[in-house]
Amino acid sequence: MCEPINEHLQNHDYLVENRFTTADVVTGGVLLWALKLGMMKDESPAKAYLTKLMERPAFQRADEPLYAPLAY
């Protein structure tokens, strides 16, 4: 499922015009659930991308009440 994303992220930091957009927010949410369900490979561009998104301060603020009760 992540192969098209992995291919794109090999040469880009973000999904649209290489800048952070709503597409990254939505895709990051889906990838987060894939990670939680054990569906992501440990070493992949998609996982590195998700890690980068998770480091954003806004993600961390939103993550606490929504995702903190769920184990990563």
C-alpha atoms as a PDB file:
ATOM      1  CA  MET A   1       0.000   0.000   0.000  1.00  0.00           C
ATOM      2  CA  CYS A   2       2.895   2.384   0.668  1.00  0.00           C
ATOM      3  CA  GLU A   3       4.878   1.689  -2.489  1.00  0.00           C
ATOM      4  CA  PRO A   4       3.684   4.758  -4.481  1.00  0.00           C
ATOM      5  CA  ILE A   5       4.310   6.955  -1.439  1.00  0.00           C
ATOM      6  CA  ASN A   6       7.730   5.369  -0.895  1.00  0.00           C
ATOM      7  CA  GLU A   7       8.678   6.020  -4.521  1.00  0.00           C
ATOM      8  CA  HIS A   8       7.592   9.668  -4.342  1.00  0.00           C
ATOM      9  CA  LEU A   9       9.302  10.311  -1.014  1.00  0.00           C
ATOM     10  CA  GLN A  10      12.645   9.061  -2.269  1.00  0.00           C
ATOM     11  CA  ASN A  11      13.053  12.418  -4.041  1.00  0.00           C
ATOM     12  CA  HIS A  12      10.665  14.706  -2.129  1.00  0.00           C
ATOM     13  CA  ASP A  13      10.160  15.849   1.454  1.00  0.00           C
ATOM     14  CA  TYR A  14       6.405  16.307   1.087  1.00  0.00           C
ATOM     15  CA  LEU A  15       3.616  15.119  -1.203  1.00  0.00           C
ATOM     16  CA  VAL A  16       2.560  18.257  -3.109  1.00  0.00           C
ATOM     17  CA  GLU A  17       5.042  20.688  -4.663  1.00  0.00           C
ATOM     18  CA  ASN A  18       7.556  19.595  -2.007  1.00  0.00           C
ATOM     19  CA  ARG A  19       5.896  21.701   0.696  1.00  0.00           C
ATOM     20  CA  PHE A  20       3.757  20.799   3.709  1.00  0.00           C
ATOM     21  CA  THR A  21       0.055  20.757   2.747  1.00  0.00           C
ATOM     22  CA  THR A  22      -3.246  19.246   3.801  1.00  0.00           C
ATOM     23  CA  ALA A  23      -2.288  16.167   1.783  1.00  0.00           C
ATOM     24  CA  ASP A  24       0.504  15.554   4.296  1.00  0.00           C
ATOM     25  CA  VAL A  25      -1.881  15.924   7.236  1.00  0.00           C
ATOM     26  CA  VAL A  26      -4.349  13.409   5.799  1.00  0.00           C
ATOM     27  CA  THR A  27      -1.718  10.961   4.561  1.00  0.00           C
ATOM     28  CA  GLY A  28       0.215  11.252   7.814  1.00  0.00           C
ATOM     29  CA  GLY A  29      -2.919  10.286   9.750  1.00  0.00           C
ATOM     30  CA  VAL A  30      -3.415   7.196   7.624  1.00  0.00           C
ATOM     31  CA  LEU A  31       0.248   6.248   7.926  1.00  0.00           C
ATOM     32  CA  LEU A  32       0.085   6.686  11.686  1.00  0.00           C
ATOM     33  CA  TRP A  33      -2.708   4.128  11.884  1.00  0.00           C
ATOM     34  CA  ALA A  34      -0.749   1.792   9.603  1.00  0.00           C
ATOM     35  CA  LEU A  35       2.200   2.136  11.976  1.00  0.00           C
ATOM     36  CA  LYS A  36       0.031   1.425  15.021  1.00  0.00           C
ATOM     37  CA  LEU A  37      -1.371  -1.667  13.319  1.00  0.00           C
ATOM     38  CA  GLY A  38       2.121  -2.950  12.487  1.00  0.00           C
ATOM     39  CA  MET A  39       1.653  -2.540   8.751  1.00  0.00           C
ATOM     40  CA  MET A  40       4.735  -0.392   8.006  1.00  0.00           C
ATOM     41  CA  LYS A  41       8.241  -1.587   7.279  1.00  0.00           C
ATOM     42  CA  ASP A  42      10.793  -0.303   9.777  1.00  0.00           C
ATOM     43  CA  GLU A  43      13.115   1.144   7.150  1.00  0.00           C
ATOM     44  CA  SER A  44      11.117   2.907   4.462  1.00  0.00           C
ATOM     45  CA  PRO A  45      10.732   6.415   3.077  1.00  0.00           C
ATOM     46  CA  ALA A  46       7.117   6.417   4.320  1.00  0.00           C
ATOM     47  CA  LYS A  47       8.179   5.677   7.892  1.00  0.00           C
ATOM     48  CA  ALA A  48      10.917   8.335   7.767  1.00  0.00           C
ATOM     49  CA  TYR A  49       8.308  10.783   6.402  1.00  0.00           C
ATOM     50  CA  LEU A  50       5.884   9.904   9.196  1.00  0.00           C
ATOM     51  CA  THR A  51       8.630  10.339  11.777  1.00  0.00           C
ATOM     52  CA  LYS A  52       9.353  13.799  10.353  1.00  0.00           C
ATOM     53  CA  LEU A  53       5.645  14.694  10.520  1.00  0.00           C
ATOM     54  CA  MET A  54       5.440  13.442  14.103  1.00  0.00           C
ATOM     55  CA  GLU A  55       8.271  15.808  15.068  1.00  0.00           C
ATOM     56  CA  ARG A  56       6.241  18.862  14.064  1.00  0.00           C
ATOM     57  CA  PRO A  57       5.084  20.847  17.135  1.00  0.00           C
ATOM     58  CA  ALA A  58       1.481  21.009  15.905  1.00  0.00           C
ATOM     59  CA  PHE A  59       1.394  17.227  15.508  1.00  0.00           C
ATOM     60  CA  GLN A  60       2.711  16.780  19.031  1.00  0.00           C
ATOM     61  CA  ARG A  61       0.051  19.120  20.429  1.00  0.00           C
ATOM     62  CA  ALA A  62      -2.699  17.305  18.532  1.00  0.00           C
ATOM     63  CA  ASP A  63      -1.229  13.885  19.271  1.00  0.00           C
ATOM     64  CA  GLU A  64      -1.430  14.109  23.031  1.00  0.00           C
ATOM     65  CA  PRO A  65      -5.196  14.000  23.575  1.00  0.00           C
ATOM     66  CA  LEU A  66      -6.017  12.009  20.435  1.00  0.00           C
ATOM     67  CA  TYR A  67      -3.286   9.418  20.060  1.00  0.00           C
ATOM     68  CA  ALA A  68      -1.524   9.212  23.442  1.00  0.00           C
ATOM     69  CA  PRO A  69      -3.957   6.593  24.837  1.00  0.00           C
ATOM     70  CA  LEU A  70      -3.028   4.313  21.929  1.00  0.00           C
ATOM     71  CA  ALA A  71       0.362   2.609  22.037  1.00  0.00           C
ATOM     72  CA  TYR A  72       2.779   3.220  19.146  1.00  0.00           C
END
